Amino acid sequence: MTRVLLALCLALAGCVTPAGGPTSVGGEVTSTGELLLSGQTMGSAWTVKIARAARQDEAALRDGIQARFDAVNQALSTWRDDSALMRFNARDDGEWVDIDPELAAVLRYALSLGADSGGAYDVTVGPLVNLWGFGPDPQTWKVPDAAAIEAARAHVGWRKVEVDPVRDRARKAPGVRVDLSSLGKGRGVDRVAEWLDARGVTSYLIDLSGKLRARGVNARGAPWRVAVERPGPDQAIVGGIVEHAVVTLRDQSIATAGDYRRFFESGGKHYSHIIDPATGSPVTHQTVSATALAADCMHADALATVFMAMPPDAALRLANERAVPALLIGRAADRLLARPSTSWRAQ
């Protein structure tokens, strides 16, 4: 399997959106009758629609949701120097170090996905992402030279990280940096869902930057429905995108990753933020966006990342092997081609 990895910290926001009418500000009621709460976390806006919540305290709901998002951010953020992840990244002695249990659990899944996907998922790709101008350093929008690429590749490789989730500890090779941004938002959504479930909230739709998880039904008593965003400006789409663009979520999660908002062009070539560490350069396949469904949002988030990073044939093969509902949208001349997996067509 081709070892193609995604710039994890830059999976697109807002690629999946709730279908239906307009919504209002936090703490009010939508035009369709749900309670709508909102806030900010992980550099993005979150919304939670709740149906049948007459006995719930709105302020307590909003505060509890915000607290769960903030706890995940405190564990996994790459933008906070005091986060559990950044404290782990600061250790360069190669020794085992105790880490936050939340970080240990997410890191374990990330590394297992790296193994299961044959390296198609890697949480250490950050140095290459940054080198190409898509990381936290100032954007350069130029092609780096071969020496710089090779130097960055020396610090990339998911096998350079180990985790012991039983003892909540991990270690990594010196110079390696872990980025869990492709999992963080999905994990936050899941933590909020668990908290709402514990409070007896049985019908909700959580949305954090296009990472969604639904439970129960909406205010009309119907399953929650969401729409997959068309990538790019007004491009014709073929291959059944109209039929497959709206998805009904039945106690499911959905997430999308894509490349059409983070790229630059130089010398007539298109360079996206999706990096292949085998070459140290952006991938050359034609996938524009990848959407995945799963029971929980962390898995949907990560799988969308994997499918976006892999060549489309390999991505669909993996999705079909695992019975994952997935939708790939790729460039085809002057059009966009929609390619659903078998399970997606069965939705």
Protein backbone atom coordinates (compact mmCIF):
# COMPACT_ATOMS: atom_id res chain seq x y z
CA MET A 1 0.00 0.00 0.00
CA THR A 2 1.32 3.41 -0.91
CA ARG A 3 2.48 5.28 2.20
CA VAL A 4 0.67 8.54 1.68
CA LEU A 5 0.02 10.73 4.70
CA LEU A 6 -2.16 13.74 5.27
CA ALA A 7 -1.24 17.04 6.81
CA LEU A 8 -3.21 16.18 9.88
CA CYS A 9 -3.52 19.61 11.36
CA LEU A 10 -5.21 21.02 8.27
CA ALA A 11 -8.18 18.77 7.53
CA LEU A 12 -10.86 21.07 6.18
CA ALA A 13 -13.50 22.67 8.33
CA GLY A 14 -17.15 22.88 7.39
CA CYS A 15 -17.20 20.20 4.69
CA VAL A 16 -20.29 18.57 6.19
CA THR A 17 -23.18 20.75 7.24
CA PRO A 18 -26.63 20.17 8.75
CA ALA A 19 -29.28 20.04 6.06
CA GLY A 20 -32.41 22.09 6.52
CA GLY A 21 -33.46 25.62 7.40
CA PRO A 22 -31.59 28.51 9.03
CA THR A 23 -30.43 28.46 12.62
CA SER A 24 -30.20 31.13 15.31
CA VAL A 25 -27.62 32.09 17.92
CA GLY A 26 -26.74 29.92 20.92
CA GLY A 27 -29.40 29.30 23.56
CA GLU A 28 -32.32 29.97 21.23
CA VAL A 29 -34.52 27.80 19.08
CA THR A 30 -33.97 26.98 15.42
CA SER A 31 -36.63 27.48 12.80
CA THR A 32 -37.16 23.72 12.88
CA GLY A 33 -37.75 23.64 16.64
CA GLU A 34 -34.48 22.44 18.20
CA LEU A 35 -32.63 24.13 21.01
CA LEU A 36 -29.41 25.51 19.54
CA LEU A 37 -26.30 26.01 21.68
CA SER A 38 -22.99 27.31 20.36
CA GLY A 39 -19.48 28.33 21.33
CA GLN A 40 -15.82 28.28 20.31
CA THR A 41 -13.14 25.65 20.78
CA MET A 42 -10.02 24.38 19.01
CA GLY A 43 -9.99 27.49 16.84
CA SER A 44 -13.44 26.72 15.43
CA ALA A 45 -17.11 27.21 16.18
CA TRP A 46 -19.23 24.44 17.66
CA THR A 47 -23.00 24.03 17.62
CA VAL A 48 -25.23 21.50 19.29
CA LYS A 49 -28.86 21.08 18.30
CA ILE A 50 -30.99 19.35 20.91
CA ALA A 51 -34.53 18.12 20.39
CA ARG A 52 -36.97 17.45 23.22
CA ALA A 53 -34.88 19.21 25.88
CA ALA A 54 -37.64 21.01 27.80
CA ARG A 55 -36.40 19.75 31.17
CA GLN A 56 -32.76 20.61 30.58
CA ASP A 57 -31.08 23.71 32.01
CA GLU A 58 -29.74 25.57 28.97
CA ALA A 59 -26.87 27.27 30.79
CA ALA A 60 -25.78 24.01 32.39
CA LEU A 61 -25.92 22.28 29.01
CA ARG A 62 -23.82 24.90 27.30
CA ASP A 63 -21.26 25.06 30.12
CA GLY A 64 -20.98 21.28 30.22
CA ILE A 65 -20.50 21.02 26.48
CA GLN A 66 -17.85 23.74 26.51
CA ALA A 67 -16.03 22.04 29.38
CA ARG A 68 -15.83 18.73 27.50
CA PHE A 69 -14.49 20.40 24.37
CA ASP A 70 -11.97 22.39 26.40
CA ALA A 71 -10.74 19.28 28.23
CA VAL A 72 -9.94 17.55 24.94
CA ASN A 73 -8.27 20.70 23.66
CA GLN A 74 -6.14 20.89 26.78
CA ALA A 75 -4.99 17.33 26.16
CA LEU A 76 -4.45 17.35 22.38
CA SER A 77 -3.85 20.91 21.19
CA THR A 78 -0.75 21.74 19.15
CA TRP A 79 -1.44 25.46 19.60
CA ARG A 80 -1.16 25.53 23.42
CA ASP A 81 2.30 25.19 24.91
CA ASP A 82 0.73 23.89 28.14
CA SER A 83 -1.31 21.10 26.52
CA ALA A 84 -0.51 17.50 27.42
CA LEU A 85 0.54 16.82 23.82
CA MET A 86 2.91 19.78 23.59
CA ARG A 87 4.52 18.86 26.90
CA PHE A 88 5.11 15.39 25.48
CA ASN A 89 6.48 16.88 22.23
CA ALA A 90 8.92 18.99 24.25
CA ARG A 91 10.59 15.85 25.61
CA ASP A 92 13.51 14.92 23.36
CA ASP A 93 15.37 12.37 25.47
CA GLY A 94 13.70 9.30 23.94
CA GLU A 95 12.63 8.02 27.37
CA TRP A 96 9.23 6.88 28.58
CA VAL A 97 7.20 9.71 30.09
CA ASP A 98 3.86 9.74 31.88
CA ILE A 99 1.14 11.37 29.78
CA ASP A 100 -2.47 12.42 30.19
CA PRO A 101 -4.89 9.44 29.93
CA GLU A 102 -6.86 11.23 27.21
CA LEU A 103 -3.69 11.72 25.20
CA ALA A 104 -2.69 8.08 25.75
CA ALA A 105 -6.04 6.77 24.47
CA VAL A 106 -6.07 8.92 21.34
CA LEU A 107 -2.40 8.30 20.59
CA ARG A 108 -2.94 4.56 20.88
CA TYR A 109 -5.70 4.69 18.27
CA ALA A 110 -3.64 6.93 15.99
CA LEU A 111 -0.69 4.55 16.04
CA SER A 112 -2.92 1.51 15.52
CA LEU A 113 -4.44 3.20 12.48
CA GLY A 114 -0.95 3.87 11.19
CA ALA A 115 -0.21 0.16 11.47
CA ASP A 116 -3.55 -1.05 10.11
CA SER A 117 -3.40 1.27 7.11
CA GLY A 118 0.13 0.25 6.19
CA GLY A 119 1.40 3.74 6.94
CA ALA A 120 -1.37 5.63 5.13
CA TYR A 121 -1.94 7.52 8.38
CA ASP A 122 0.88 9.19 10.26
CA VAL A 123 0.78 11.64 13.15
CA THR A 124 4.42 12.73 12.81
CA VAL A 125 4.19 14.32 9.36
CA GLY A 126 4.18 17.87 10.77
CA PRO A 127 7.78 18.81 9.83
CA LEU A 128 7.03 18.25 6.16
CA VAL A 129 3.72 20.07 6.39
CA ASN A 130 5.46 23.02 7.96
CA LEU A 131 8.27 22.96 5.40
CA TRP A 132 5.77 23.29 2.55
CA GLY A 133 4.15 26.29 4.23
CA PHE A 134 1.01 24.65 5.59
CA GLY A 135 1.96 24.51 9.28
CA PRO A 136 2.13 27.07 12.08
CA ASP A 137 5.20 28.81 10.64
CA PRO A 138 4.65 31.71 8.23
CA GLN A 139 3.44 30.55 4.82
CA THR A 140 6.10 30.70 2.12
CA TRP A 141 4.18 29.34 -0.89
CA LYS A 142 7.31 28.06 -2.56
CA VAL A 143 8.72 24.64 -3.33
CA PRO A 144 11.45 23.68 -0.82
CA ASP A 145 14.76 22.35 -2.05
CA ALA A 146 15.67 18.65 -1.93
CA ALA A 147 18.07 19.03 1.01
CA ALA A 148 15.41 20.66 3.17
CA ILE A 149 12.90 17.95 2.32
CA GLU A 150 15.31 15.17 3.25
CA ALA A 151 16.17 16.90 6.53
CA ALA A 152 12.48 17.10 7.45
CA ARG A 153 11.84 13.49 6.48
CA ALA A 154 14.42 12.36 9.03
CA HIS A 155 11.97 13.34 11.78
CA VAL A 156 8.88 11.72 10.24
CA GLY A 157 7.61 8.19 10.85
CA TRP A 158 4.79 6.85 13.02
CA ARG A 159 7.01 3.96 14.13
CA LYS A 160 9.20 6.51 15.93
CA VAL A 161 6.46 6.85 18.59
CA GLU A 162 5.36 4.28 21.17
CA VAL A 163 2.54 4.38 23.68
CA ASP A 164 1.71 2.26 26.73
CA PRO A 165 -1.99 2.97 27.40
CA VAL A 166 -2.07 0.66 30.42
CA ARG A 167 0.42 2.86 32.27
CA ASP A 168 -0.55 6.08 30.41
CA ARG A 169 2.96 6.71 29.16
CA ALA A 170 4.68 7.20 25.80
CA ARG A 171 8.04 7.84 24.22
CA LYS A 172 9.33 9.09 20.88
CA ALA A 173 12.58 9.50 19.03
CA PRO A 174 14.36 12.84 19.53
CA GLY A 175 13.17 15.50 17.12
CA VAL A 176 9.85 13.81 16.40
CA ARG A 177 6.67 15.82 16.92
CA VAL A 178 3.17 14.35 17.19
CA ASP A 179 0.12 16.13 15.77
CA LEU A 180 -3.32 14.72 16.61
CA SER A 181 -5.36 17.49 15.04
CA SER A 182 -7.05 15.10 12.63
CA LEU A 183 -8.47 13.30 15.67
CA GLY A 184 -8.90 16.11 18.18
CA LYS A 185 -12.13 17.60 16.91
CA GLY A 186 -13.73 14.22 16.43
CA ARG A 187 -12.63 13.20 19.92
CA GLY A 188 -14.11 16.39 21.34
CA VAL A 189 -17.43 15.67 19.64
CA ASP A 190 -17.43 12.17 21.11
CA ARG A 191 -16.74 13.44 24.62
CA VAL A 192 -19.65 15.86 24.34
CA ALA A 193 -21.88 13.05 23.07
CA GLU A 194 -20.93 10.85 26.02
CA TRP A 195 -21.74 13.67 28.43
CA LEU A 196 -25.12 14.36 26.81
CA ASP A 197 -25.94 10.66 26.91
CA ALA A 198 -25.13 10.58 30.64
CA ARG A 199 -27.50 13.51 31.23
CA GLY A 200 -30.32 11.66 29.51
CA VAL A 201 -30.32 13.76 26.32
CA THR A 202 -31.48 11.34 23.66
CA SER A 203 -31.78 13.49 20.51
CA TYR A 204 -28.99 15.79 19.39
CA LEU A 205 -26.71 16.83 16.53
CA ILE A 206 -23.19 17.98 17.42
CA ASP A 207 -21.14 19.91 14.86
CA LEU A 208 -17.54 21.02 15.36
CA SER A 209 -16.05 22.41 12.16
CA GLY A 210 -17.76 19.85 9.95
CA LYS A 211 -17.22 16.90 12.32
CA LEU A 212 -20.74 15.77 13.21
CA ARG A 213 -22.34 13.19 15.47
CA ALA A 214 -26.06 12.52 15.69
CA ARG A 215 -28.29 10.66 18.09
CA GLY A 216 -32.02 10.10 18.00
CA VAL A 217 -34.26 12.35 15.92
CA ASN A 218 -34.83 16.03 15.28
CA ALA A 219 -37.74 18.13 16.54
CA ARG A 220 -39.97 16.82 13.75
CA GLY A 221 -39.32 13.25 14.82
CA ALA A 222 -37.23 12.47 11.74
CA PRO A 223 -33.60 11.28 11.62
CA TRP A 224 -30.98 14.00 11.38
CA ARG A 225 -29.87 14.78 7.82
CA VAL A 226 -26.62 16.46 6.75
CA ALA A 227 -25.20 17.54 3.41
CA VAL A 228 -21.73 17.00 1.97
CA GLU A 229 -20.31 20.29 0.71
CA ARG A 230 -19.45 20.71 -2.97
CA PRO A 231 -15.68 21.22 -3.16
CA GLY A 232 -14.44 24.19 -5.11
CA PRO A 233 -16.23 27.04 -6.83
CA ASP A 234 -19.22 26.11 -9.01
CA GLN A 235 -17.67 23.08 -10.67
CA ALA A 236 -19.91 20.54 -12.35
CA ILE A 237 -20.05 17.23 -10.50
CA VAL A 238 -20.79 13.87 -12.09
CA GLY A 239 -21.09 10.35 -10.75
CA GLY A 240 -24.17 10.65 -8.59
CA ILE A 241 -23.23 13.49 -6.27
CA VAL A 242 -26.77 14.87 -6.29
CA GLU A 243 -28.14 11.54 -5.21
CA HIS A 244 -25.51 10.95 -2.55
CA ALA A 245 -24.94 14.50 -1.24
CA VAL A 246 -27.47 14.34 1.60
CA VAL A 247 -26.91 11.71 4.28
CA THR A 248 -29.32 10.49 6.95
CA LEU A 249 -27.52 9.90 10.24
CA ARG A 250 -28.92 7.20 12.47
CA ASP A 251 -26.85 7.37 15.65
CA GLN A 252 -23.77 7.92 13.47
CA SER A 253 -20.90 10.33 12.90
CA ILE A 254 -19.63 11.89 9.69
CA ALA A 255 -16.51 13.87 8.78
CA THR A 256 -14.87 15.23 5.63
CA ALA A 257 -11.27 16.06 4.73
CA GLY A 258 -10.19 17.84 1.56
CA ASP A 259 -7.54 19.85 -0.26
CA TYR A 260 -9.39 22.60 -2.08
CA ARG A 261 -8.87 25.34 0.48
CA ARG A 262 -5.23 24.72 1.44
CA PHE A 263 -2.94 24.77 -1.57
CA PHE A 264 -0.70 26.96 -3.68
CA GLU A 265 0.37 26.95 -7.31
CA SER A 266 3.88 27.41 -8.64
CA GLY A 267 5.26 26.91 -12.12
CA GLY A 268 1.87 25.79 -13.34
CA LYS A 269 1.63 23.01 -10.74
CA HIS A 270 -0.90 22.52 -7.93
CA TYR A 271 0.56 21.79 -4.47
CA SER A 272 -1.88 20.75 -1.77
CA HIS A 273 -1.29 20.35 1.97
CA ILE A 274 -1.47 16.56 1.64
CA ILE A 275 2.07 15.23 1.94
CA ASP A 276 3.61 11.91 0.92
CA PRO A 277 6.60 11.36 3.25
CA ALA A 278 8.01 8.76 0.88
CA THR A 279 8.82 11.68 -1.40
CA GLY A 280 8.46 14.56 1.06
CA SER A 281 6.18 16.32 -1.43
CA PRO A 282 2.42 16.82 -1.86
CA VAL A 283 0.53 13.87 -3.30
CA THR A 284 -0.35 13.90 -6.97
CA HIS A 285 -3.65 11.99 -7.01
CA GLN A 286 -6.85 13.78 -7.98
CA THR A 287 -9.03 13.35 -4.87
CA VAL A 288 -10.48 16.70 -3.77
CA SER A 289 -12.44 15.58 -0.72
CA ALA A 290 -13.18 12.40 1.22
CA THR A 291 -16.10 11.82 3.55
CA ALA A 292 -16.48 8.91 5.98
CA LEU A 293 -19.20 7.66 8.33
CA ALA A 294 -18.58 5.76 11.56
CA ALA A 295 -20.25 5.06 14.87
CA ASP A 296 -18.11 7.65 16.66
CA CYS A 297 -16.67 10.90 15.39
CA MET A 298 -13.00 10.27 16.14
CA HIS A 299 -13.04 7.27 13.82
CA ALA A 300 -14.95 9.14 11.11
CA ASP A 301 -12.50 12.04 11.40
CA ALA A 302 -9.44 9.80 11.08
CA LEU A 303 -10.89 7.65 8.29
CA ALA A 304 -11.74 10.71 6.21
CA THR A 305 -8.12 11.75 6.62
CA VAL A 306 -6.87 8.32 5.53
CA PHE A 307 -9.13 8.19 2.46
CA MET A 308 -8.17 11.71 1.46
CA ALA A 309 -4.50 10.87 1.69
CA MET A 310 -4.54 7.59 -0.23
CA PRO A 311 -4.81 7.19 -4.00
CA PRO A 312 -8.54 6.92 -4.77
CA ASP A 313 -8.56 3.27 -5.90
CA ALA A 314 -6.70 2.21 -2.77
CA ALA A 315 -8.95 4.34 -0.57
CA LEU A 316 -12.12 2.81 -1.97
CA ARG A 317 -10.62 -0.66 -1.69
CA LEU A 318 -9.86 -0.09 1.99
CA ALA A 319 -13.32 1.40 2.60
CA ASN A 320 -14.98 -1.60 0.97
CA GLU A 321 -12.79 -4.07 2.86
CA ARG A 322 -13.85 -2.48 6.14
CA ALA A 323 -17.45 -1.81 5.07
CA VAL A 324 -16.95 1.90 5.75
CA PRO A 325 -19.44 4.27 4.10
CA ALA A 326 -17.17 6.68 2.21
CA LEU A 327 -17.56 9.20 -0.60
CA LEU A 328 -14.61 10.44 -2.63
CA ILE A 329 -14.86 13.47 -4.91
CA GLY A 330 -12.03 13.83 -7.40
CA ARG A 331 -10.95 15.99 -10.31
CA ALA A 332 -11.75 14.65 -13.77
CA ALA A 333 -10.75 17.17 -16.48
CA ASP A 334 -13.05 20.15 -15.94
CA ARG A 335 -15.45 18.21 -13.73
CA LEU A 336 -15.57 16.58 -10.33
CA LEU A 337 -16.29 12.87 -10.14
CA ALA A 338 -18.12 11.38 -7.14
CA ARG A 339 -17.05 7.84 -6.20
CA PRO A 340 -19.02 6.23 -3.34
CA SER A 341 -18.01 3.05 -1.55
CA THR A 342 -20.38 0.10 -1.53
CA SER A 343 -21.53 0.88 2.02
CA TRP A 344 -22.12 4.53 1.14
CA ARG A 345 -24.44 3.53 -1.70
CA ALA A 346 -26.33 1.32 0.74
CA GLN A 347 -27.06 4.18 3.13
